[in-house]
C-alpha atoms as a PDB file:
ATOM      1  CA  MET A   1     112.936 106.920  86.817  1.00  0.00           C
ATOM      2  CA  GLU A   2     110.010 105.347  85.007  1.00  0.00           C
ATOM      3  CA  GLU A   3     108.205 107.550  82.512  1.00  0.00           C
ATOM      4  CA  LYS A   4     104.406 107.557  82.586  1.00  0.00           C
ATOM      5  CA  ASN A   5     101.810 109.086  80.348  1.00  0.00           C
ATOM      6  CA  CYS A   6      99.583 111.887  81.589  1.00  0.00           C
ATOM      7  CA  GLU A   7      96.182 110.401  82.355  1.00  0.00           C
ATOM      8  CA  ILE A   8      94.525 113.370  80.630  1.00  0.00           C
ATOM      9  CA  CYS A   9      96.592 114.226  77.537  1.00  0.00           C
ATOM     10  CA  LYS A  10      99.048 111.295  77.281  1.00  0.00           C
ATOM     11  CA  ARG A  11     102.181 113.521  77.382  1.00  0.00           C
ATOM     12  CA  GLN A  12     105.099 111.764  79.017  1.00  0.00           C
ATOM     13  CA  GLY A  13     106.242 112.692  82.488  1.00  0.00           C
ATOM     14  CA  GLU A  14     107.244 111.313  85.871  1.00  0.00           C
ATOM     15  CA  LYS A  15     103.822 111.538  87.529  1.00  0.00           C
ATOM     16  CA  PRO A  16     100.239 110.572  86.701  1.00  0.00           C
ATOM     17  CA  LEU A  17      99.852 114.051  85.149  1.00  0.00           C
ATOM     18  CA  CYS A  18     102.118 116.016  82.819  1.00  0.00           C
ATOM     19  CA  ASN A  19     103.698 119.213  84.117  1.00  0.00           C
ATOM     20  CA  TYR A  20     100.897 121.352  82.654  1.00  0.00           C
ATOM     21  CA  HIS A  21      98.033 119.377  84.172  1.00  0.00           C
ATOM     22  CA  ALA A  22      99.941 118.916  87.460  1.00  0.00           C
ATOM     23  CA  LYS A  23     100.340 122.696  87.792  1.00  0.00           C
ATOM     24  CA  ALA A  24      96.633 123.153  87.053  1.00  0.00           C
ATOM     25  CA  TYR A  25      95.832 120.503  89.682  1.00  0.00           C
ATOM     26  CA  TYR A  26      97.993 122.243  92.306  1.00  0.00           C
ATOM     27  CA  ASN A  27      96.205 125.531  91.579  1.00  0.00           C
ATOM     28  CA  ILE A  28      92.800 123.861  91.834  1.00  0.00           C
ATOM     29  CA  VAL A  29      93.634 122.363  95.232  1.00  0.00           C
ATOM     30  CA  LYS A  30      95.303 125.544  96.499  1.00  0.00           C
ATOM     31  CA  ASN A  31      92.353 127.760  95.595  1.00  0.00           C
ATOM     32  CA  TYR A  32      89.573 125.488  96.870  1.00  0.00           C
ATOM     33  CA  GLU A  33      89.723 126.974 100.386  1.00  0.00           C
ATOM     34  CA  TYR A  34      89.331 130.496  99.006  1.00  0.00           C
ATOM     35  CA  TRP A  35      86.272 129.459  97.009  1.00  0.00           C
ATOM     36  CA  LYS A  36      84.798 127.608 100.006  1.00  0.00           C
ATOM     37  CA  ASP A  37      85.167 130.743 102.140  1.00  0.00           C
ATOM     38  CA  ALA A  38      83.556 132.901  99.457  1.00  0.00           C
ATOM     39  CA  TYR A  39      80.576 130.574  98.970  1.00  0.00           C
ATOM     40  CA  ASP A  40      80.195 129.514 102.651  1.00  0.00           C
ATOM     41  CA  GLU A  41      79.294 125.936 101.714  1.00  0.00           C
ATOM     42  CA  LEU A  42      80.843 124.500  98.575  1.00  0.00           C
ATOM     43  CA  SER A  43      81.575 120.824  98.022  1.00  0.00           C
ATOM     44  CA  TRP A  44      84.604 119.658  96.056  1.00  0.00           C
ATOM     45  CA  GLU A  45      82.357 118.510  93.191  1.00  0.00           C
ATOM     46  CA  GLU A  46      80.448 121.824  93.114  1.00  0.00           C
ATOM     47  CA  TYR A  47      83.755 123.669  93.027  1.00  0.00           C
ATOM     48  CA  LEU A  48      84.999 121.591  90.101  1.00  0.00           C
ATOM     49  CA  MET A  49      81.745 122.194  88.207  1.00  0.00           C
ATOM     50  CA  LYS A  50      82.101 125.952  88.738  1.00  0.00           C
ATOM     51  CA  LEU A  51      85.640 125.816  87.356  1.00  0.00           C
ATOM     52  CA  ILE A  52      84.466 123.984  84.241  1.00  0.00           C
ATOM     53  CA  VAL A  53      81.883 126.638  83.346  1.00  0.00           C
ATOM     54  CA  ASN A  54      83.991 129.631  84.429  1.00  0.00           C
ATOM     55  CA  PRO A  55      85.142 131.534  81.317  1.00  0.00           C
ATOM     56  CA  GLU A  56      88.168 132.841  83.266  1.00  0.00           C
ATOM     57  CA  CYS A  57      89.574 129.332  83.806  1.00  0.00           C
ATOM     58  CA  GLY A  58      92.089 127.956  81.369  1.00  0.00           C
ATOM     59  CA  THR A  59      91.873 124.809  79.317  1.00  0.00           C
ATOM     60  CA  TRP A  60      94.200 122.762  81.539  1.00  0.00           C
ATOM     61  CA  VAL A  61      92.216 123.634  84.681  1.00  0.00           C
ATOM     62  CA  LYS A  62      88.980 122.646  82.961  1.00  0.00           C
ATOM     63  CA  GLU A  63      90.495 119.392  81.699  1.00  0.00           C
ATOM     64  CA  VAL A  64      91.733 118.489  85.182  1.00  0.00           C
ATOM     65  CA  ALA A  65      88.373 119.379  86.753  1.00  0.00           C
ATOM     66  CA  LYS A  66      86.532 117.193  84.231  1.00  0.00           C
ATOM     67  CA  TYR A  67      88.991 114.360  84.828  1.00  0.00           C
ATOM     68  CA  LEU A  68      88.597 114.572  88.616  1.00  0.00           C
ATOM     69  CA  ILE A  69      84.803 114.553  88.322  1.00  0.00           C
ATOM     70  CA  SER A  70      84.769 111.659  85.880  1.00  0.00           C
ATOM     71  CA  LYS A  71      86.987 109.560  88.165  1.00  0.00           C
ATOM     72  CA  LYS A  72      85.298 110.794  91.380  1.00  0.00           C
ATOM     73  CA  ILE A  73      88.740 111.769  92.716  1.00  0.00           C
ATOM     74  CA  LYS A  74      89.133 114.010  95.752  1.00  0.00           C
ATOM     75  CA  ARG A  75      92.937 114.228  95.786  1.00  0.00           C
ATOM     76  CA  LEU A  76      95.768 112.871  93.652  1.00  0.00           C
ATOM     77  CA  ASP A  77      99.111 111.678  94.945  1.00  0.00           C
ATOM     78  CA  ILE A  78     101.396 113.795  92.754  1.00  0.00           C
END
């Protein structure tokens, strides 16, 4: 299997993201529906911005959110 570098931190792995950033990404996607329900109307970009400024979010979540915003990515194939 070909090794790749994480597009955020450059750690090696099998996917576009390392295990740490991939787990953060899965959590971001999984929790989006909960946030949308809580806020009634919340776009993907608004959600990511809220994660970035939320003091309860961890570093990896914030790094993934910033990456997704900077690349204008809705979903990754990981």
